Amino acid sequence: MMIDYENTIPNNVNLSEDKLLQKALRQWQPNFLSWWKEMGPVNSLDYDVYLRTAVSVNPQGWAQFDYVKMPEYRWGIFLQPAQEGKKIGFGEHIHQNVWQEVPGEHRANLRRIIVTQGDTEPASVEQQRHLGLTCPSLYDLRNLYQVNVEEGRHLWAMMYLLHKYFGRDGREESEALLQRRSGETNNPRILQAFNEQTPDWLSFFMFTYFTDRDGKFQLSALAESGFDPLARTAKFMLTEEAHHMFVGESGVARIIMRTCQVMKELSTDDPIHLRKAGVIDLPTLQRYLNVHYSLTLDLFGAEESSNAAIFYSSGLKGRYDELNRKDDHLLKEGSYLITANKNGVLVENEIPLLNGLNEVLRDDFIKDSVAGVERWNKMIQKMGVQFSLSVPHKAFHRNIGALSGIYVSPEGVVLSAETWNKYRDQWLPSESDKRYIQSIMGPVTSVGQYANWIAPPTIGINKQGPHFEYVRFN
């Protein structure tokens, strides 16, 4: 298969001159396209979609917008430009030159980091592959497809690092990224949250708000890496990740706006009456928030982690906003408080700071998530509705780490299994909730039309209006 590396694969890694990488791509690219046709968005191969495509790393013009058929999307390979004289900013190699090749002693850990990040990208596409069938508008369908193709491009980014720097092992790992399947029993995705279903658009908006926000913090930590190709790759991925979080935050905001409009029109906050009117009541919204927030907290791993300490000390993975932190960036001294379970009581334990870096990153994520939830609350208040959304306690509904295996209320009260089961459906989506949400899902595919349960956006994509023909069906 002949590949036009200049036009088909936009890049700034000198791909047209890299014969070894070209050889690898001649096998991997067809396999990727086969995976896309099998596990990508269903019934979408012939649609013309108004998508942005990354074409450079120039902040003023890094992307182009045009109608594209998704199998013809130009998945590219981009790294932020190298910084001359750049030094490692943390860990035992601090102040040394960043690595341009994989340091032998850190090879296995570095490969593990890249594979774990890379595995989340196709998993997201697989989780969301049926959502297009129930889209609330062409605007939302376009946003779903934009997220999908960019998750695909992020897979390409990790594939590039594996092929370029890890030889045969990297090629095998890169192929395995296309072989695992989200939710499959025999060959699932690496992280459990990426084996969960995303069956409806409320779940999708919560996923892109919370789980893509985890991506923001993980990529920000990798953007500090002493392995410069990984750091530069992660920095460019963050450019695209911002839109994914926007889709989630604005999607939930539009649901809130529509629900509050109907609450004012009907002068009621009764979920039964609101459901009869075809909108999503705010208590149901809170339950979906609870489950997606708690699943995302688990993605950061155990509170106390020797691996996190090793990754940091080795210079492989830093903290969020590492260089702006006012400490020695070695962290051999100092401690961090974590929440743990002691005989059915939540307690604060002090652990070495190096071993608590998963919790440091999780706490940074929590602060950022709460800020967005407060923006939703301001909208609710502005519309004159007496209701506040909130994130549950960090021990709520946890399945990984020191807080797994116990029952905790959203307020942080440890419960018996009997009490948990009694109130569970008040805190997490019930089967009735799920059936109702499924019952109001689209599709709405007429230009400028929106499902009853969600408000139109205030502005469109790339200066286009809410009534633009974002997807053309053929």
Protein backbone atom coordinates (compact mmCIF):
# COMPACT_ATOMS: atom_id res chain seq x y z
CA MET A 1 0.00 0.00 0.00
CA MET A 2 1.52 3.31 -1.08
CA ILE A 3 0.98 6.15 1.37
CA ASP A 4 1.21 9.83 0.51
CA TYR A 5 3.00 10.89 3.69
CA GLU A 6 2.94 14.57 2.81
CA ASN A 7 -0.80 14.93 2.19
CA THR A 8 -2.44 11.94 3.85
CA ILE A 9 -0.55 12.12 7.15
CA PRO A 10 0.06 15.72 8.27
CA ASN A 11 3.13 15.72 10.49
CA ASN A 12 6.13 17.61 11.77
CA VAL A 13 8.31 14.55 12.46
CA ASN A 14 9.94 14.34 9.02
CA LEU A 15 7.87 11.29 8.18
CA SER A 16 8.63 11.49 4.46
CA GLU A 17 12.32 10.79 5.24
CA ASP A 18 11.82 8.18 7.97
CA LYS A 19 11.99 4.88 6.08
CA LEU A 20 11.63 2.65 9.16
CA LEU A 21 8.51 4.44 10.31
CA GLN A 22 7.09 4.38 6.79
CA LYS A 23 7.58 0.61 6.73
CA ALA A 24 5.81 0.23 10.06
CA LEU A 25 2.91 2.42 8.93
CA ARG A 26 2.38 0.37 5.78
CA GLN A 27 1.11 -2.39 8.08
CA TRP A 28 -0.31 -0.37 10.98
CA GLN A 29 -2.38 2.16 9.01
CA PRO A 30 -4.53 -0.45 7.19
CA ASN A 31 -5.04 -2.23 10.50
CA PHE A 32 -6.10 1.05 12.10
CA LEU A 33 -8.62 1.70 9.30
CA SER A 34 -9.98 -1.83 9.69
CA TRP A 35 -10.39 -1.20 13.41
CA TRP A 36 -12.13 2.12 12.69
CA LYS A 37 -14.59 0.51 10.29
CA GLU A 38 -15.33 -2.27 12.79
CA MET A 39 -15.35 -0.31 16.08
CA GLY A 40 -15.70 3.37 15.10
CA PRO A 41 -19.00 5.29 14.91
CA VAL A 42 -21.67 3.05 13.43
CA ASN A 43 -23.36 3.85 10.10
CA SER A 44 -21.17 6.93 9.56
CA LEU A 45 -18.64 5.96 6.93
CA ASP A 46 -20.25 7.96 4.10
CA TYR A 47 -21.26 11.09 6.03
CA ASP A 48 -19.66 14.43 5.24
CA VAL A 49 -18.82 15.91 8.65
CA TYR A 50 -17.67 19.46 9.37
CA LEU A 51 -14.46 18.59 11.23
CA ARG A 52 -11.27 20.30 12.25
CA THR A 53 -8.03 18.62 11.26
CA ALA A 54 -4.70 19.32 12.89
CA VAL A 55 -2.29 20.48 10.19
CA SER A 56 0.52 22.19 12.14
CA VAL A 57 1.61 23.26 15.62
CA ASN A 58 1.24 26.97 14.90
CA PRO A 59 -1.02 28.36 17.67
CA GLN A 60 -2.58 30.83 15.21
CA GLY A 61 -3.46 28.24 12.57
CA TRP A 62 -2.95 24.71 13.82
CA ALA A 63 -6.27 23.36 12.49
CA GLN A 64 -8.39 23.53 9.36
CA PHE A 65 -12.18 23.09 9.15
CA ASP A 66 -13.90 21.39 6.25
CA TYR A 67 -16.34 18.62 5.37
CA VAL A 68 -14.61 15.24 5.66
CA LYS A 69 -15.67 11.63 5.43
CA MET A 70 -14.28 10.13 8.61
CA PRO A 71 -12.44 7.17 7.03
CA GLU A 72 -10.65 9.81 4.92
CA TYR A 73 -9.76 11.97 7.93
CA ARG A 74 -6.08 12.92 7.91
CA TRP A 75 -4.86 11.54 11.22
CA GLY A 76 -1.52 13.24 11.72
CA ILE A 77 1.52 13.09 13.97
CA PHE A 78 2.51 16.29 15.76
CA LEU A 79 4.90 17.20 18.55
CA GLN A 80 5.28 20.65 20.01
CA PRO A 81 8.54 22.22 18.74
CA ALA A 82 11.65 21.22 20.64
CA GLN A 83 13.03 23.71 23.14
CA GLU A 84 16.78 24.16 22.83
CA GLY A 85 18.67 23.53 26.04
CA LYS A 86 15.65 22.14 27.86
CA LYS A 87 16.38 20.47 31.19
CA ILE A 88 14.55 17.83 33.19
CA GLY A 89 12.53 19.67 35.82
CA PHE A 90 12.11 17.10 38.59
CA GLY A 91 13.33 13.83 40.06
CA GLU A 92 16.78 12.35 40.37
CA HIS A 93 17.83 13.63 36.92
CA ILE A 94 16.77 17.21 37.61
CA HIS A 95 18.74 19.86 35.68
CA GLN A 96 20.11 17.26 33.23
CA ASN A 97 19.33 17.58 29.53
CA VAL A 98 16.01 16.05 28.55
CA TRP A 99 16.25 12.69 26.82
CA GLN A 100 15.79 12.46 23.07
CA GLU A 101 16.10 8.68 23.18
CA VAL A 102 14.67 6.20 25.67
CA PRO A 103 17.03 5.76 28.64
CA GLY A 104 17.67 2.03 28.92
CA GLU A 105 17.08 1.77 32.65
CA HIS A 106 13.62 3.37 32.30
CA ARG A 107 12.54 1.62 29.12
CA ALA A 108 9.96 -0.73 30.63
CA ASN A 109 8.29 1.93 32.78
CA LEU A 110 8.21 4.44 29.95
CA ARG A 111 6.64 1.92 27.61
CA ARG A 112 4.05 1.07 30.26
CA ILE A 113 3.11 4.75 30.65
CA ILE A 114 2.71 5.25 26.89
CA VAL A 115 0.72 2.04 26.40
CA THR A 116 -1.67 2.84 29.25
CA GLN A 117 -2.33 6.32 27.87
CA GLY A 118 -2.59 4.98 24.33
CA ASP A 119 -5.11 2.33 25.34
CA THR A 120 -7.61 4.94 26.57
CA GLU A 121 -7.85 6.58 23.16
CA PRO A 122 -9.41 3.80 21.05
CA ALA A 123 -11.39 2.70 24.12
CA SER A 124 -13.26 6.02 24.12
CA VAL A 125 -14.20 5.58 20.48
CA GLU A 126 -15.46 2.06 21.16
CA GLN A 127 -17.52 3.20 24.15
CA GLN A 128 -19.20 5.91 22.09
CA ARG A 129 -19.69 4.09 18.80
CA HIS A 130 -23.51 3.79 19.01
CA LEU A 131 -24.25 7.32 20.21
CA GLY A 132 -24.66 8.76 16.73
CA LEU A 133 -27.86 6.74 16.34
CA THR A 134 -29.55 8.84 19.05
CA CYS A 135 -28.00 12.27 18.46
CA PRO A 136 -29.99 15.28 19.78
CA SER A 137 -28.89 17.47 16.83
CA LEU A 138 -26.46 17.72 13.94
CA TYR A 139 -24.37 20.08 16.07
CA ASP A 140 -24.02 17.40 18.75
CA LEU A 141 -23.43 14.65 16.20
CA ARG A 142 -20.60 16.70 14.73
CA ASN A 143 -19.09 17.21 18.19
CA LEU A 144 -19.26 13.49 18.90
CA TYR A 145 -17.47 12.72 15.65
CA GLN A 146 -14.87 15.41 16.36
CA VAL A 147 -14.11 13.81 19.71
CA ASN A 148 -13.93 10.41 18.01
CA VAL A 149 -11.47 11.37 15.27
CA GLU A 150 -9.27 13.24 17.75
CA GLU A 151 -9.19 10.27 20.10
CA GLY A 152 -8.08 8.39 16.99
CA ARG A 153 -5.36 10.97 16.39
CA HIS A 154 -4.20 10.62 19.98
CA LEU A 155 -3.89 6.90 19.33
CA TRP A 156 -1.70 7.79 16.36
CA ALA A 157 0.41 9.98 18.67
CA MET A 158 1.08 7.08 21.05
CA MET A 159 1.61 4.70 18.13
CA TYR A 160 4.30 7.01 16.79
CA LEU A 161 6.21 6.95 20.08
CA LEU A 162 5.99 3.18 20.32
CA HIS A 163 7.11 2.58 16.72
CA LYS A 164 9.78 5.25 16.71
CA TYR A 165 11.46 4.56 20.04
CA PHE A 166 10.70 0.99 21.16
CA GLY A 167 11.52 -1.21 18.20
CA ARG A 168 9.90 -4.62 18.02
CA ASP A 169 8.31 -4.29 21.47
CA GLY A 170 6.75 -1.00 20.40
CA ARG A 171 5.35 -2.50 17.22
CA GLU A 172 3.76 -5.35 19.16
CA GLU A 173 2.29 -2.98 21.74
CA SER A 174 0.97 -0.75 18.98
CA GLU A 175 -0.82 -3.67 17.35
CA ALA A 176 -2.26 -4.70 20.72
CA LEU A 177 -3.85 -1.25 21.04
CA LEU A 178 -6.00 -2.19 18.04
CA GLN A 179 -6.80 -5.67 19.35
CA ARG A 180 -8.18 -4.96 22.81
CA ARG A 181 -11.87 -4.05 22.99
CA SER A 182 -13.77 -1.95 25.50
CA GLY A 183 -15.91 -4.16 27.71
CA GLU A 184 -14.76 -7.44 26.14
CA THR A 185 -14.37 -10.23 28.68
CA ASN A 186 -11.33 -11.96 27.20
CA ASN A 187 -9.34 -8.94 26.00
CA PRO A 188 -10.63 -5.77 27.72
CA ARG A 189 -9.10 -2.32 27.84
CA ILE A 190 -6.45 -1.77 30.53
CA LEU A 191 -8.35 0.67 32.77
CA GLN A 192 -11.77 -0.37 34.05
CA ALA A 193 -13.48 2.99 33.46
CA PHE A 194 -12.80 2.47 29.75
CA ASN A 195 -14.68 -0.82 29.82
CA GLU A 196 -17.88 0.83 31.02
CA GLN A 197 -20.72 1.52 28.60
CA THR A 198 -21.59 5.01 27.37
CA PRO A 199 -25.18 4.23 26.33
CA ASP A 200 -26.74 7.69 26.11
CA TRP A 201 -25.90 11.35 25.58
CA LEU A 202 -26.17 12.34 29.23
CA SER A 203 -23.50 9.75 29.97
CA PHE A 204 -21.44 11.04 27.04
CA PHE A 205 -21.53 14.63 28.30
CA MET A 206 -20.58 13.50 31.81
CA PHE A 207 -17.80 11.34 30.35
CA THR A 208 -16.33 14.18 28.33
CA TYR A 209 -16.61 16.53 31.31
CA PHE A 210 -15.06 14.24 33.93
CA THR A 211 -13.11 11.49 32.18
CA ASP A 212 -11.60 13.75 29.53
CA ARG A 213 -10.66 16.03 32.43
CA ASP A 214 -8.70 13.12 33.85
CA GLY A 215 -7.03 13.07 30.43
CA LYS A 216 -6.14 16.73 30.86
CA PHE A 217 -4.36 16.06 34.14
CA GLN A 218 -2.66 12.87 33.01
CA LEU A 219 -1.42 14.54 29.82
CA SER A 220 -0.27 17.59 31.77
CA ALA A 221 1.80 15.33 34.02
CA LEU A 222 3.26 13.58 30.96
CA ALA A 223 3.98 16.95 29.36
CA GLU A 224 6.57 17.44 32.14
CA SER A 225 8.36 14.19 31.26
CA GLY A 226 12.13 14.07 30.93
CA PHE A 227 11.59 11.98 27.79
CA ASP A 228 11.18 14.93 25.47
CA PRO A 229 9.26 13.26 22.59
CA LEU A 230 6.57 12.19 25.08
CA ALA A 231 6.43 15.62 26.70
CA ARG A 232 6.11 17.39 23.35
CA THR A 233 3.47 14.92 22.13
CA ALA A 234 1.37 15.34 25.28
CA LYS A 235 1.50 19.13 25.05
CA PHE A 236 0.00 19.09 21.58
CA MET A 237 -2.64 16.54 22.61
CA LEU A 238 -3.77 18.99 25.30
CA THR A 239 -4.66 21.46 22.54
CA GLU A 240 -7.30 19.04 21.26
CA GLU A 241 -8.37 17.78 24.69
CA ALA A 242 -9.74 21.22 25.58
CA HIS A 243 -12.55 20.84 23.02
CA HIS A 244 -13.53 17.45 24.46
CA MET A 245 -14.04 18.99 27.91
CA PHE A 246 -15.95 21.87 26.30
CA VAL A 247 -18.33 19.36 24.72
CA GLY A 248 -19.02 17.90 28.16
CA GLU A 249 -19.35 21.11 30.13
CA SER A 250 -21.47 22.90 27.53
CA GLY A 251 -23.58 19.78 26.91
CA VAL A 252 -24.53 19.49 30.58
CA ALA A 253 -25.10 23.27 30.73
CA ARG A 254 -27.53 23.06 27.80
CA ILE A 255 -29.43 20.23 29.52
CA ILE A 256 -29.65 22.34 32.67
CA MET A 257 -30.84 25.34 30.70
CA ARG A 258 -33.62 23.40 29.01
CA THR A 259 -34.73 21.72 32.25
CA CYS A 260 -34.82 25.03 34.10
CA GLN A 261 -36.86 26.59 31.29
CA VAL A 262 -39.47 23.85 31.60
CA MET A 263 -39.42 24.07 35.41
CA LYS A 264 -40.27 27.77 35.14
CA GLU A 265 -42.93 27.21 32.46
CA LEU A 266 -44.68 24.50 34.50
CA SER A 267 -43.94 26.02 37.91
CA THR A 268 -42.76 22.67 39.23
CA ASP A 269 -39.65 20.83 40.34
CA ASP A 270 -41.44 17.47 40.51
CA PRO A 271 -39.33 14.92 38.58
CA ILE A 272 -42.46 13.02 37.53
CA HIS A 273 -44.02 16.09 35.91
CA LEU A 274 -40.69 17.08 34.34
CA ARG A 275 -40.26 13.63 32.85
CA LYS A 276 -43.74 13.80 31.41
CA ALA A 277 -42.59 17.03 29.74
CA GLY A 278 -39.63 15.13 28.25
CA VAL A 279 -36.71 16.79 30.05
CA ILE A 280 -34.06 15.53 32.49
CA ASP A 281 -34.85 16.45 36.08
CA LEU A 282 -31.95 17.83 38.13
CA PRO A 283 -31.88 15.01 40.74
CA THR A 284 -31.34 12.54 37.89
CA LEU A 285 -28.60 14.77 36.55
CA GLN A 286 -26.99 14.66 40.01
CA ARG A 287 -27.04 10.85 40.05
CA TYR A 288 -25.32 10.67 36.67
CA LEU A 289 -22.77 13.20 37.91
CA ASN A 290 -22.12 11.01 40.96
CA VAL A 291 -21.37 7.86 38.99
CA HIS A 292 -19.12 9.44 36.36
CA TYR A 293 -17.22 11.49 38.91
CA SER A 294 -16.54 8.46 41.11
CA LEU A 295 -15.51 6.26 38.18
CA THR A 296 -13.09 8.96 37.07
CA LEU A 297 -11.56 9.28 40.54
CA ASP A 298 -10.57 5.60 40.28
CA LEU A 299 -8.59 6.34 37.10
CA PHE A 300 -5.90 8.08 39.16
CA GLY A 301 -5.01 4.80 40.85
CA ALA A 302 -4.31 3.88 44.45
CA GLU A 303 -3.75 6.66 46.97
CA GLU A 304 -0.37 5.25 47.96
CA SER A 305 1.68 4.13 44.99
CA SER A 306 5.30 3.03 44.69
CA ASN A 307 4.93 3.17 40.90
CA ALA A 308 3.99 6.86 41.04
CA ALA A 309 7.06 7.47 43.19
CA ILE A 310 9.27 5.61 40.73
CA PHE A 311 7.84 7.44 37.71
CA TYR A 312 8.46 10.79 39.39
CA SER A 313 11.94 10.07 40.76
CA SER A 314 12.95 8.67 37.36
CA GLY A 315 11.85 11.86 35.62
CA LEU A 316 9.21 10.06 33.55
CA LYS A 317 6.00 11.67 34.82
CA GLY A 318 5.72 14.90 36.78
CA ARG A 319 2.90 16.65 38.57
CA TYR A 320 0.30 18.94 37.09
CA ASP A 321 1.90 22.39 36.65
CA GLU A 322 5.19 20.94 37.93
CA LEU A 323 7.53 23.83 37.17
CA ASN A 324 5.35 26.38 38.96
CA ARG A 325 5.34 24.48 42.25
CA LYS A 326 7.45 25.99 44.99
CA ASP A 327 9.45 23.05 46.29
CA ASP A 328 12.68 21.23 45.48
CA HIS A 329 11.06 18.96 42.82
CA LEU A 330 12.77 15.97 44.46
CA LEU A 331 10.13 15.31 47.14
CA LYS A 332 12.33 13.05 49.25
CA GLU A 333 11.11 14.99 52.24
CA GLY A 334 7.54 15.93 53.01
CA SER A 335 4.28 14.09 53.41
CA TYR A 336 0.73 14.11 52.09
CA LEU A 337 -2.61 13.38 53.72
CA ILE A 338 -4.79 10.69 52.21
CA THR A 339 -8.24 9.48 53.19
CA ALA A 340 -8.35 5.82 54.22
CA ASN A 341 -10.69 3.29 55.79
CA LYS A 342 -9.85 2.17 59.33
CA ASN A 343 -12.30 -0.35 60.73
CA GLY A 344 -15.23 1.30 59.00
CA VAL A 345 -14.23 4.85 59.82
CA LEU A 346 -12.74 7.37 57.37
CA VAL A 347 -9.45 8.69 58.68
CA GLU A 348 -6.66 10.92 57.40
CA ASN A 349 -3.32 9.13 57.07
CA GLU A 350 0.01 10.82 56.47
CA ILE A 351 2.19 9.13 53.87
CA PRO A 352 5.46 10.12 52.14
CA LEU A 353 4.79 12.76 49.50
CA LEU A 354 6.52 10.73 46.78
CA ASN A 355 4.16 7.82 47.38
CA GLY A 356 1.13 10.11 47.40
CA LEU A 357 1.49 11.59 43.93
CA ASN A 358 -1.58 9.82 42.57
CA GLU A 359 -3.57 11.53 45.30
CA VAL A 360 -1.94 14.89 44.57
CA LEU A 361 -3.07 14.62 40.94
CA ARG A 362 -6.52 13.41 41.99
CA ASP A 363 -6.93 16.40 44.33
CA ASP A 364 -5.91 18.77 41.52
CA PHE A 365 -8.58 17.13 39.35
CA ILE A 366 -11.18 17.52 42.11
CA LYS A 367 -10.54 21.26 42.41
CA ASP A 368 -10.87 21.70 38.66
CA SER A 369 -14.04 19.60 38.50
CA VAL A 370 -15.69 21.50 41.35
CA ALA A 371 -15.04 24.79 39.58
CA GLY A 372 -17.00 23.61 36.55
CA VAL A 373 -19.86 22.29 38.68
CA GLU A 374 -20.07 25.71 40.30
CA ARG A 375 -20.42 27.26 36.85
CA TRP A 376 -23.45 25.01 36.32
CA ASN A 377 -24.83 26.09 39.69
CA LYS A 378 -24.52 29.75 38.78
CA MET A 379 -26.60 29.06 35.68
CA ILE A 380 -29.25 27.31 37.78
CA GLN A 381 -29.33 30.23 40.23
CA LYS A 382 -29.49 32.78 37.42
CA MET A 383 -32.58 31.04 36.09
CA GLY A 384 -34.23 31.33 39.51
CA VAL A 385 -34.24 27.62 40.38
CA GLN A 386 -33.47 26.45 43.91
CA PHE A 387 -31.13 23.52 43.35
CA SER A 388 -27.39 22.95 43.60
CA LEU A 389 -25.32 20.21 42.03
CA SER A 390 -22.29 18.94 43.93
CA VAL A 391 -19.54 16.38 43.63
CA PRO A 392 -19.81 13.56 46.17
CA HIS A 393 -17.20 12.77 48.80
CA LYS A 394 -14.03 11.26 47.34
CA ALA A 395 -14.75 7.98 49.18
CA PHE A 396 -18.15 7.57 47.51
CA HIS A 397 -18.56 4.58 45.16
CA ARG A 398 -14.85 3.84 44.91
CA ASN A 399 -13.48 0.56 43.58
CA ILE A 400 -9.72 1.13 43.61
CA GLY A 401 -7.31 1.89 46.43
CA ALA A 402 -7.77 2.44 50.14
CA LEU A 403 -11.40 3.47 49.75
CA SER A 404 -12.60 0.41 47.85
CA GLY A 405 -14.72 -2.22 49.54
CA ILE A 406 -16.65 0.14 51.80
CA TYR A 407 -20.02 1.84 51.45
CA VAL A 408 -19.95 5.63 51.78
CA SER A 409 -22.72 8.18 51.24
CA PRO A 410 -22.19 11.24 49.01
CA GLU A 411 -21.70 13.23 52.23
CA GLY A 412 -18.87 10.94 53.36
CA VAL A 413 -20.68 8.81 55.96
CA VAL A 414 -19.64 5.16 56.14
CA LEU A 415 -22.69 2.91 55.83
CA SER A 416 -23.65 -0.71 56.23
CA ALA A 417 -24.37 -2.71 53.09
CA GLU A 418 -28.04 -2.76 54.09
CA THR A 419 -28.25 1.04 54.34
CA TRP A 420 -26.31 1.49 51.09
CA ASN A 421 -28.69 -0.79 49.21
CA LYS A 422 -31.66 1.07 50.70
CA TYR A 423 -30.52 4.45 49.39
CA ARG A 424 -28.43 3.45 46.37
CA ASP A 425 -31.02 4.51 43.81
CA GLN A 426 -31.13 7.98 45.34
CA TRP A 427 -27.40 8.39 44.71
CA LEU A 428 -26.66 6.45 41.52
CA PRO A 429 -28.72 6.02 38.34
CA SER A 430 -31.45 3.42 38.85
CA GLU A 431 -32.72 1.09 36.17
CA SER A 432 -35.75 3.36 35.96
CA ASP A 433 -33.49 6.38 35.38
CA LYS A 434 -31.63 4.56 32.63
CA ARG A 435 -34.83 3.49 30.90
CA TYR A 436 -36.17 7.02 31.00
CA ILE A 437 -32.97 8.55 29.62
CA GLN A 438 -32.97 5.97 26.82
CA SER A 439 -36.60 6.75 26.05
CA ILE A 440 -35.92 10.42 25.25
CA MET A 441 -32.82 9.90 23.16
CA GLY A 442 -33.11 11.13 19.52
CA PRO A 443 -32.30 10.99 16.78
CA VAL A 444 -32.85 14.56 15.66
CA THR A 445 -31.15 15.02 12.30
CA SER A 446 -32.93 17.95 10.66
CA VAL A 447 -30.79 21.03 10.14
CA GLY A 448 -31.24 23.50 13.00
CA GLN A 449 -33.47 21.22 15.08
CA TYR A 450 -32.69 20.09 18.64
CA ALA A 451 -34.13 17.42 20.90
CA ASN A 452 -36.65 18.62 23.45
CA TRP A 453 -34.39 17.76 26.41
CA ILE A 454 -31.45 19.99 25.46
CA ALA A 455 -31.16 23.68 24.57
CA PRO A 456 -29.38 24.82 21.39
CA PRO A 457 -25.87 26.19 21.86
CA THR A 458 -25.46 29.95 22.06
CA ILE A 459 -22.74 29.85 19.39
CA GLY A 460 -21.71 27.26 16.85
CA ILE A 461 -18.39 25.74 15.80
CA ASN A 462 -15.80 27.84 13.97
CA LYS A 463 -18.11 30.88 13.88
CA GLN A 464 -20.91 28.84 12.32
CA GLY A 465 -24.34 29.22 13.86
CA PRO A 466 -26.43 26.64 15.78
CA HIS A 467 -28.44 26.05 12.57
CA PHE A 468 -25.48 25.18 10.36
CA GLU A 469 -25.51 21.87 8.47
CA TYR A 470 -22.77 20.24 10.53
CA VAL A 471 -23.31 16.76 9.06
CA ARG A 472 -24.44 15.92 5.54
CA PHE A 473 -25.95 12.47 4.98
CA ASN A 474 -25.34 10.77 1.66
